């Protein structure tokens, strides 16, 4: 079993503390301007804090996604979701291989996907290059055939 998840620099509790600190600063400045007579600043400060909360929530939620690859003697199961599996794919192990798309430049990342006769499913899109190479090394250690994009995209 191989679990893939993105790097998380801050959890949701830390993000909420940062939002609270920013909201306190922004609302303090907006209230000071309101007492001076520039009351029109207050609604825009509220929208700014609301937008900061929304964007931070969406980014934090993205960091909690996860993909689990379970490999048995006969099957390869890929599950993806946030907090719990929401999508699942089942491949027959002897009919499936790991498709590898090489990076075009040093700023690009390799792409990994499971490919069989009917479909191909990309996984690990949220991983950085070193984590993708680590996942590739773990999958190569199992007897799974790895083919470069030159072979399977033709």
N, C-alpha and C. Protein backbone atom coordinates (compact mmCIF):
# COMPACT_ATOMS: atom_id res chain seq x y z
N UNK A 1 0.85 -1.17 0.00
CA UNK A 1 0.00 0.00 0.00
C UNK A 1 0.90 1.24 0.00
N UNK A 2 0.59 2.17 -0.88
CA UNK A 2 1.35 3.40 -1.01
C UNK A 2 0.38 4.56 -0.89
N UNK A 3 0.62 5.47 0.05
CA UNK A 3 -0.25 6.62 0.27
C UNK A 3 0.45 7.87 -0.22
N UNK A 4 -0.20 8.61 -1.11
CA UNK A 4 0.35 9.86 -1.65
C UNK A 4 -0.46 11.03 -1.12
N UNK A 5 0.22 12.04 -0.60
CA UNK A 5 -0.46 13.26 -0.15
C UNK A 5 0.49 14.44 -0.38
N UNK A 6 -0.07 15.62 -0.62
CA UNK A 6 0.79 16.77 -0.90
C UNK A 6 1.51 17.26 0.36
N UNK A 7 2.59 17.98 0.14
CA UNK A 7 3.29 18.61 1.25
C UNK A 7 2.39 19.68 1.86
N UNK A 8 2.37 19.75 3.18
CA UNK A 8 1.51 20.70 3.88
C UNK A 8 2.38 21.56 4.78
N UNK A 9 2.50 22.84 4.45
CA UNK A 9 3.34 23.72 5.26
C UNK A 9 2.61 24.19 6.52
N UNK A 10 1.28 24.19 6.50
CA UNK A 10 0.49 24.60 7.67
C UNK A 10 -0.80 23.80 7.69
N UNK A 11 -1.20 23.37 8.89
CA UNK A 11 -2.49 22.69 8.99
C UNK A 11 -3.60 23.72 9.13
N UNK A 12 -4.85 23.26 9.23
CA UNK A 12 -5.98 24.19 9.24
C UNK A 12 -5.98 25.04 10.51
N UNK A 13 -5.57 24.51 11.65
CA UNK A 13 -5.52 25.29 12.89
C UNK A 13 -4.51 26.43 12.77
N UNK A 14 -3.35 26.17 12.20
CA UNK A 14 -2.35 27.21 12.00
C UNK A 14 -2.84 28.25 11.00
N UNK A 15 -3.53 27.81 9.98
CA UNK A 15 -4.07 28.73 8.98
C UNK A 15 -5.13 29.64 9.61
N UNK A 16 -5.97 29.08 10.48
CA UNK A 16 -6.98 29.90 11.15
C UNK A 16 -6.34 30.96 12.05
N UNK A 17 -5.25 30.61 12.71
CA UNK A 17 -4.55 31.60 13.55
C UNK A 17 -3.99 32.74 12.69
N UNK A 18 -3.44 32.38 11.53
CA UNK A 18 -2.92 33.41 10.62
C UNK A 18 -4.05 34.31 10.11
N UNK A 19 -5.18 33.72 9.75
CA UNK A 19 -6.33 34.51 9.27
C UNK A 19 -6.82 35.42 10.38
N UNK A 20 -6.89 34.91 11.60
CA UNK A 20 -7.35 35.74 12.73
C UNK A 20 -6.43 36.92 12.97
N UNK A 21 -5.13 36.69 12.91
CA UNK A 21 -4.18 37.79 13.10
C UNK A 21 -4.33 38.83 11.99
N UNK A 22 -4.44 38.36 10.75
CA UNK A 22 -4.63 39.30 9.63
C UNK A 22 -5.94 40.06 9.75
N UNK A 23 -7.00 39.35 10.16
CA UNK A 23 -8.32 39.99 10.31
C UNK A 23 -8.26 41.05 11.40
N UNK A 24 -7.57 40.76 12.49
CA UNK A 24 -7.45 41.74 13.57
C UNK A 24 -6.75 43.00 13.09
N UNK A 25 -5.66 42.84 12.34
CA UNK A 25 -4.92 44.00 11.84
C UNK A 25 -5.76 44.80 10.85
N UNK A 26 -6.37 44.10 9.89
CA UNK A 26 -7.17 44.79 8.86
C UNK A 26 -8.37 45.49 9.48
N UNK A 27 -9.06 44.83 10.39
CA UNK A 27 -10.25 45.44 11.00
C UNK A 27 -9.87 46.58 11.95
N UNK A 28 -8.72 46.50 12.60
CA UNK A 28 -8.27 47.61 13.45
C UNK A 28 -8.01 48.86 12.61
N UNK A 29 -7.34 48.66 11.49
CA UNK A 29 -7.09 49.80 10.60
C UNK A 29 -8.40 50.34 10.04
N UNK A 30 -9.31 49.45 9.65
CA UNK A 30 -10.59 49.89 9.09
C UNK A 30 -11.42 50.64 10.14
N UNK A 31 -11.42 50.17 11.39
CA UNK A 31 -12.15 50.87 12.45
C UNK A 31 -11.53 52.23 12.74
N UNK A 32 -10.20 52.33 12.69
CA UNK A 32 -9.55 53.62 12.90
C UNK A 32 -9.98 54.61 11.81
N UNK A 33 -10.02 54.16 10.57
CA UNK A 33 -10.47 55.03 9.48
C UNK A 33 -11.96 55.36 9.62
N UNK A 34 -12.73 54.43 10.14
CA UNK A 34 -14.16 54.68 10.35
C UNK A 34 -14.36 55.77 11.39
N UNK A 35 -13.59 55.76 12.48
CA UNK A 35 -13.73 56.79 13.52
C UNK A 35 -13.27 58.15 13.04
N UNK A 36 -12.38 58.18 12.05
CA UNK A 36 -11.94 59.45 11.46
C UNK A 36 -13.00 59.99 10.50
N UNK A 37 -13.89 59.11 10.03
CA UNK A 37 -14.95 59.56 9.14
C UNK A 37 -14.97 58.85 7.80
N UNK A 38 -14.01 58.03 7.52
CA UNK A 38 -13.96 57.31 6.25
C UNK A 38 -14.62 55.95 6.44
N UNK A 39 -15.91 55.96 6.69
CA UNK A 39 -16.65 54.73 7.00
C UNK A 39 -16.73 53.77 5.82
N UNK A 40 -16.49 54.25 4.62
CA UNK A 40 -16.59 53.41 3.44
C UNK A 40 -15.50 52.34 3.40
N UNK A 41 -14.46 52.50 4.21
CA UNK A 41 -13.38 51.52 4.27
C UNK A 41 -13.86 50.23 4.92
N UNK A 42 -14.79 50.33 5.86
CA UNK A 42 -15.20 49.17 6.66
C UNK A 42 -15.78 48.01 5.84
N UNK A 43 -16.72 48.23 4.91
CA UNK A 43 -17.22 47.09 4.14
C UNK A 43 -16.16 46.43 3.26
N UNK A 44 -15.24 47.22 2.72
CA UNK A 44 -14.18 46.64 1.89
C UNK A 44 -13.21 45.83 2.74
N UNK A 45 -12.96 46.26 3.96
CA UNK A 45 -12.11 45.49 4.86
C UNK A 45 -12.79 44.16 5.20
N UNK A 46 -14.10 44.19 5.40
CA UNK A 46 -14.84 42.96 5.66
C UNK A 46 -14.79 42.02 4.48
N UNK A 47 -14.92 42.55 3.27
CA UNK A 47 -14.81 41.71 2.07
C UNK A 47 -13.40 41.13 1.93
N UNK A 48 -12.40 41.92 2.28
CA UNK A 48 -11.02 41.44 2.20
C UNK A 48 -10.78 40.28 3.16
N UNK A 49 -11.28 40.42 4.39
CA UNK A 49 -11.12 39.34 5.37
C UNK A 49 -11.90 38.10 4.93
N UNK A 50 -13.11 38.30 4.41
CA UNK A 50 -13.91 37.17 3.93
C UNK A 50 -13.25 36.45 2.77
N UNK A 51 -12.69 37.20 1.84
CA UNK A 51 -11.99 36.60 0.70
C UNK A 51 -10.72 35.87 1.15
N UNK A 52 -10.00 36.46 2.11
CA UNK A 52 -8.82 35.79 2.65
C UNK A 52 -9.20 34.46 3.30
N UNK A 53 -10.30 34.44 4.06
CA UNK A 53 -10.75 33.21 4.70
C UNK A 53 -11.12 32.17 3.64
N UNK A 54 -11.89 32.56 2.62
CA UNK A 54 -12.34 31.63 1.59
C UNK A 54 -11.16 31.01 0.84
N UNK A 55 -10.22 31.85 0.41
CA UNK A 55 -9.08 31.34 -0.36
C UNK A 55 -8.20 30.45 0.52
N UNK A 56 -7.99 30.85 1.76
CA UNK A 56 -7.17 30.03 2.67
C UNK A 56 -7.84 28.69 2.94
N UNK A 57 -9.15 28.69 3.08
CA UNK A 57 -9.87 27.43 3.30
C UNK A 57 -9.73 26.50 2.11
N UNK A 58 -9.90 27.03 0.90
CA UNK A 58 -9.79 26.20 -0.30
C UNK A 58 -8.37 25.64 -0.47
N UNK A 59 -7.37 26.45 -0.22
CA UNK A 59 -5.98 25.98 -0.34
C UNK A 59 -5.69 24.92 0.72
N UNK A 60 -6.14 25.16 1.95
CA UNK A 60 -5.91 24.18 3.01
C UNK A 60 -6.64 22.88 2.71
N UNK A 61 -7.86 22.96 2.21
CA UNK A 61 -8.61 21.76 1.85
C UNK A 61 -7.88 20.95 0.78
N UNK A 62 -7.28 21.63 -0.17
CA UNK A 62 -6.53 20.95 -1.24
C UNK A 62 -5.37 20.14 -0.67
N UNK A 63 -4.75 20.63 0.42
CA UNK A 63 -3.59 19.93 0.98
C UNK A 63 -3.98 18.67 1.74
N UNK A 64 -5.26 18.47 1.99
CA UNK A 64 -5.70 17.27 2.69
C UNK A 64 -6.12 16.14 1.74
N UNK A 65 -5.96 16.34 0.43
CA UNK A 65 -6.31 15.26 -0.49
C UNK A 65 -5.28 14.15 -0.40
N UNK A 66 -5.71 12.99 -0.82
CA UNK A 66 -4.87 11.81 -0.66
C UNK A 66 -5.21 10.80 -1.73
N UNK A 67 -4.21 10.06 -2.17
CA UNK A 67 -4.39 8.95 -3.10
C UNK A 67 -3.72 7.73 -2.49
N UNK A 68 -4.44 6.63 -2.49
CA UNK A 68 -3.93 5.39 -1.92
C UNK A 68 -3.86 4.34 -3.03
N UNK A 69 -2.69 3.77 -3.21
CA UNK A 69 -2.48 2.71 -4.21
C UNK A 69 -2.29 1.41 -3.43
N UNK A 70 -3.21 0.47 -3.66
CA UNK A 70 -3.14 -0.83 -3.02
C UNK A 70 -2.86 -1.87 -4.10
N UNK A 71 -1.79 -2.60 -3.92
CA UNK A 71 -1.40 -3.59 -4.93
C UNK A 71 -1.46 -4.98 -4.30
N UNK A 72 -2.27 -5.83 -4.91
CA UNK A 72 -2.35 -7.23 -4.47
C UNK A 72 -1.77 -8.11 -5.57
N UNK A 73 -1.88 -9.39 -5.43
CA UNK A 73 -1.33 -10.31 -6.43
C UNK A 73 -2.06 -10.21 -7.76
N UNK A 74 -3.36 -9.87 -7.73
CA UNK A 74 -4.15 -9.85 -8.96
C UNK A 74 -4.61 -8.46 -9.38
N UNK A 75 -4.68 -7.50 -8.44
CA UNK A 75 -5.28 -6.20 -8.73
C UNK A 75 -4.40 -5.04 -8.28
N UNK A 76 -4.66 -3.91 -8.92
CA UNK A 76 -4.11 -2.63 -8.49
C UNK A 76 -5.30 -1.72 -8.26
N UNK A 77 -5.44 -1.21 -7.06
CA UNK A 77 -6.57 -0.35 -6.73
C UNK A 77 -6.04 1.04 -6.40
N UNK A 78 -6.60 2.05 -7.07
CA UNK A 78 -6.24 3.44 -6.85
C UNK A 78 -7.46 4.15 -6.28
N UNK A 79 -7.32 4.75 -5.11
CA UNK A 79 -8.41 5.49 -4.48
C UNK A 79 -7.95 6.92 -4.27
N UNK A 80 -8.86 7.87 -4.49
CA UNK A 80 -8.53 9.28 -4.35
C UNK A 80 -9.67 10.00 -3.64
N UNK A 81 -9.31 10.99 -2.83
CA UNK A 81 -10.33 11.78 -2.16
C UNK A 81 -9.73 12.66 -1.09
N UNK A 82 -10.59 13.43 -0.48
CA UNK A 82 -10.23 14.28 0.64
C UNK A 82 -10.89 13.69 1.87
N UNK A 83 -10.09 13.33 2.85
CA UNK A 83 -10.53 12.70 4.11
C UNK A 83 -11.00 11.26 3.93
N UNK A 84 -11.62 10.92 2.83
CA UNK A 84 -12.07 9.55 2.57
C UNK A 84 -12.09 9.35 1.06
N UNK A 85 -12.04 8.10 0.60
CA UNK A 85 -12.04 7.86 -0.85
C UNK A 85 -13.34 8.32 -1.51
N UNK A 86 -13.22 9.13 -2.53
CA UNK A 86 -14.38 9.58 -3.30
C UNK A 86 -14.40 8.98 -4.70
N UNK A 87 -13.21 8.62 -5.20
CA UNK A 87 -13.09 7.97 -6.50
C UNK A 87 -12.24 6.74 -6.32
N UNK A 88 -12.54 5.73 -7.12
CA UNK A 88 -11.79 4.50 -7.02
C UNK A 88 -11.68 3.86 -8.40
N UNK A 89 -10.50 3.32 -8.71
CA UNK A 89 -10.27 2.62 -9.96
C UNK A 89 -9.65 1.27 -9.63
N UNK A 90 -10.06 0.26 -10.34
CA UNK A 90 -9.53 -1.08 -10.13
C UNK A 90 -8.95 -1.57 -11.46
N UNK A 91 -7.70 -1.97 -11.42
CA UNK A 91 -7.00 -2.48 -12.60
C UNK A 91 -6.58 -3.92 -12.34
N UNK A 92 -6.59 -4.73 -13.39
CA UNK A 92 -6.03 -6.08 -13.32
C UNK A 92 -4.51 -5.95 -13.42
N UNK A 93 -3.81 -6.52 -12.48
CA UNK A 93 -2.37 -6.31 -12.39
C UNK A 93 -1.62 -6.81 -13.62
N UNK A 94 -1.98 -7.95 -14.14
CA UNK A 94 -1.24 -8.49 -15.29
C UNK A 94 -1.53 -7.76 -16.60
N UNK A 95 -2.59 -6.92 -16.64
CA UNK A 95 -2.94 -6.16 -17.85
C UNK A 95 -2.57 -4.69 -17.73
N UNK A 96 -1.99 -4.29 -16.61
CA UNK A 96 -1.75 -2.88 -16.32
C UNK A 96 -0.25 -2.62 -16.22
N UNK A 97 0.14 -1.47 -16.72
CA UNK A 97 1.53 -1.06 -16.54
C UNK A 97 1.56 0.41 -16.13
N UNK A 98 2.69 0.82 -15.63
CA UNK A 98 2.88 2.19 -15.18
C UNK A 98 3.39 3.02 -16.34
N UNK A 99 2.58 3.97 -16.79
CA UNK A 99 2.98 4.85 -17.87
C UNK A 99 3.75 6.02 -17.30
N UNK A 100 4.90 6.29 -17.85
CA UNK A 100 5.79 7.34 -17.37
C UNK A 100 5.98 8.36 -18.48
N UNK A 101 5.60 9.59 -18.22
CA UNK A 101 5.84 10.68 -19.17
C UNK A 101 7.00 11.49 -18.61
N UNK A 102 8.09 11.48 -19.36
CA UNK A 102 9.30 12.17 -18.90
C UNK A 102 9.09 13.69 -18.89
N UNK A 103 9.85 14.36 -18.05
CA UNK A 103 9.80 15.82 -17.97
C UNK A 103 10.46 16.42 -19.22
N UNK A 104 9.83 17.46 -19.76
CA UNK A 104 10.38 18.11 -20.96
C UNK A 104 11.57 19.01 -20.64
N UNK A 105 11.56 19.60 -19.45
CA UNK A 105 12.64 20.50 -19.06
C UNK A 105 12.95 20.29 -17.59
N UNK A 106 13.96 20.97 -17.11
CA UNK A 106 14.32 20.80 -15.70
C UNK A 106 13.28 21.45 -14.77
N UNK A 107 12.41 22.28 -15.31
CA UNK A 107 11.37 22.92 -14.51
C UNK A 107 10.06 22.14 -14.55
N UNK A 108 10.03 21.07 -15.32
CA UNK A 108 8.84 20.24 -15.48
C UNK A 108 8.96 19.00 -14.59
N UNK A 109 7.83 18.36 -14.31
CA UNK A 109 7.82 17.13 -13.50
C UNK A 109 7.42 15.94 -14.36
N UNK A 110 7.88 14.77 -13.97
CA UNK A 110 7.41 13.56 -14.64
C UNK A 110 5.93 13.37 -14.30
N UNK A 111 5.23 12.63 -15.15
CA UNK A 111 3.84 12.29 -14.89
C UNK A 111 3.73 10.78 -14.79
N UNK A 112 2.95 10.34 -13.81
CA UNK A 112 2.75 8.91 -13.58
C UNK A 112 1.29 8.57 -13.83
N UNK A 113 1.05 7.43 -14.47
CA UNK A 113 -0.33 6.99 -14.69
C UNK A 113 -0.36 5.47 -14.82
N UNK A 114 -1.49 4.92 -14.42
CA UNK A 114 -1.74 3.50 -14.66
C UNK A 114 -2.46 3.39 -15.98
N UNK A 115 -2.00 2.48 -16.84
CA UNK A 115 -2.55 2.33 -18.18
C UNK A 115 -2.90 0.87 -18.39
N UNK A 116 -4.12 0.63 -18.89
CA UNK A 116 -4.50 -0.71 -19.35
C UNK A 116 -5.10 -0.58 -20.74
N UNK A 117 -5.79 -1.59 -21.20
CA UNK A 117 -6.32 -1.59 -22.57
C UNK A 117 -7.41 -0.54 -22.80
N UNK A 118 -8.13 -0.16 -21.76
CA UNK A 118 -9.30 0.70 -21.95
C UNK A 118 -9.14 2.11 -21.41
N UNK A 119 -8.20 2.35 -20.50
CA UNK A 119 -8.13 3.67 -19.87
C UNK A 119 -6.73 3.92 -19.32
N UNK A 120 -6.51 5.17 -18.99
CA UNK A 120 -5.30 5.54 -18.26
C UNK A 120 -5.69 6.58 -17.22
N UNK A 121 -5.19 6.40 -16.01
CA UNK A 121 -5.53 7.26 -14.88
C UNK A 121 -4.24 7.85 -14.32
N UNK A 122 -4.16 9.17 -14.36
CA UNK A 122 -2.99 9.87 -13.84
C UNK A 122 -3.11 9.98 -12.33
N UNK A 123 -2.00 9.83 -11.64
CA UNK A 123 -2.01 9.98 -10.19
C UNK A 123 -0.78 10.76 -9.74
N UNK A 124 -0.85 11.31 -8.53
CA UNK A 124 0.27 12.05 -7.95
C UNK A 124 0.51 13.40 -8.56
N UNK A 125 -0.53 14.03 -9.12
CA UNK A 125 -0.36 15.34 -9.76
C UNK A 125 0.07 16.41 -8.77
N UNK A 126 -0.27 16.25 -7.51
CA UNK A 126 0.02 17.25 -6.48
C UNK A 126 1.40 17.08 -5.86
N UNK A 127 2.15 16.06 -6.27
CA UNK A 127 3.48 15.81 -5.72
C UNK A 127 4.53 16.64 -6.45
N UNK A 128 5.59 17.01 -5.73
CA UNK A 128 6.70 17.67 -6.39
C UNK A 128 7.58 16.62 -7.06
N UNK A 129 8.61 17.07 -7.77
CA UNK A 129 9.42 16.14 -8.58
C UNK A 129 10.10 15.07 -7.72
N UNK A 130 10.66 15.46 -6.59
CA UNK A 130 11.37 14.47 -5.76
C UNK A 130 10.40 13.45 -5.18
N UNK A 131 9.19 13.86 -4.81
CA UNK A 131 8.20 12.92 -4.29
C UNK A 131 7.68 12.00 -5.40
N UNK A 132 7.56 12.52 -6.61
CA UNK A 132 7.15 11.67 -7.74
C UNK A 132 8.22 10.62 -8.04
N UNK A 133 9.48 11.02 -7.95
CA UNK A 133 10.57 10.06 -8.18
C UNK A 133 10.59 9.00 -7.08
N UNK A 134 10.28 9.39 -5.86
CA UNK A 134 10.23 8.43 -4.75
C UNK A 134 9.08 7.44 -4.95
N UNK A 135 7.91 7.96 -5.37
CA UNK A 135 6.78 7.06 -5.65
C UNK A 135 7.12 6.11 -6.80
N UNK A 136 7.79 6.62 -7.82
CA UNK A 136 8.19 5.79 -8.95
C UNK A 136 9.16 4.69 -8.49
N UNK A 137 10.07 5.03 -7.61
CA UNK A 137 11.03 4.03 -7.10
C UNK A 137 10.31 2.94 -6.32
N UNK A 138 9.31 3.33 -5.52
CA UNK A 138 8.55 2.33 -4.76
C UNK A 138 7.76 1.42 -5.71
N UNK A 139 7.18 1.98 -6.75
CA UNK A 139 6.41 1.17 -7.69
C UNK A 139 7.31 0.30 -8.56
N UNK A 140 8.49 0.78 -8.89
CA UNK A 140 9.43 -0.04 -9.67
C UNK A 140 9.94 -1.22 -8.86
N UNK A 141 9.98 -1.08 -7.54
CA UNK A 141 10.45 -2.18 -6.69
C UNK A 141 9.49 -3.36 -6.74
N UNK A 142 8.25 -3.11 -7.08
CA UNK A 142 7.29 -4.20 -7.27
C UNK A 142 7.40 -4.68 -8.71
N UNK A 143 6.96 -5.87 -8.97
CA UNK A 143 7.04 -6.33 -10.37
C UNK A 143 5.90 -5.73 -11.22
N UNK A 144 5.98 -4.42 -11.45
CA UNK A 144 5.03 -3.74 -12.33
C UNK A 144 5.83 -3.21 -13.52
N UNK A 145 5.34 -3.45 -14.69
CA UNK A 145 6.04 -3.00 -15.90
C UNK A 145 5.91 -1.49 -16.03
N UNK A 146 7.02 -0.82 -16.28
CA UNK A 146 7.05 0.63 -16.47
C UNK A 146 7.41 0.90 -17.92
N UNK A 147 6.54 1.66 -18.59
CA UNK A 147 6.80 2.02 -19.99
C UNK A 147 6.83 3.53 -20.13
N UNK A 148 7.74 4.01 -20.93
CA UNK A 148 7.86 5.42 -21.21
C UNK A 148 6.75 5.85 -22.17
N UNK A 149 6.48 7.13 -22.23
CA UNK A 149 5.40 7.64 -23.09
C UNK A 149 5.63 7.35 -24.56
N UNK A 150 6.84 7.13 -24.98
CA UNK A 150 7.11 6.82 -26.39
C UNK A 150 6.43 5.51 -26.81
N UNK A 151 6.27 4.57 -25.86
CA UNK A 151 5.73 3.27 -26.18
C UNK A 151 4.21 3.23 -26.14
N UNK A 152 3.59 3.89 -25.18
CA UNK A 152 2.15 3.70 -25.02
C UNK A 152 1.31 4.81 -25.62
N UNK A 153 1.90 5.92 -26.03
CA UNK A 153 1.10 6.98 -26.65
C UNK A 153 1.02 6.82 -28.16
N UNK A 154 1.71 5.88 -28.72
CA UNK A 154 1.72 5.69 -30.18
C UNK A 154 0.42 5.08 -30.64
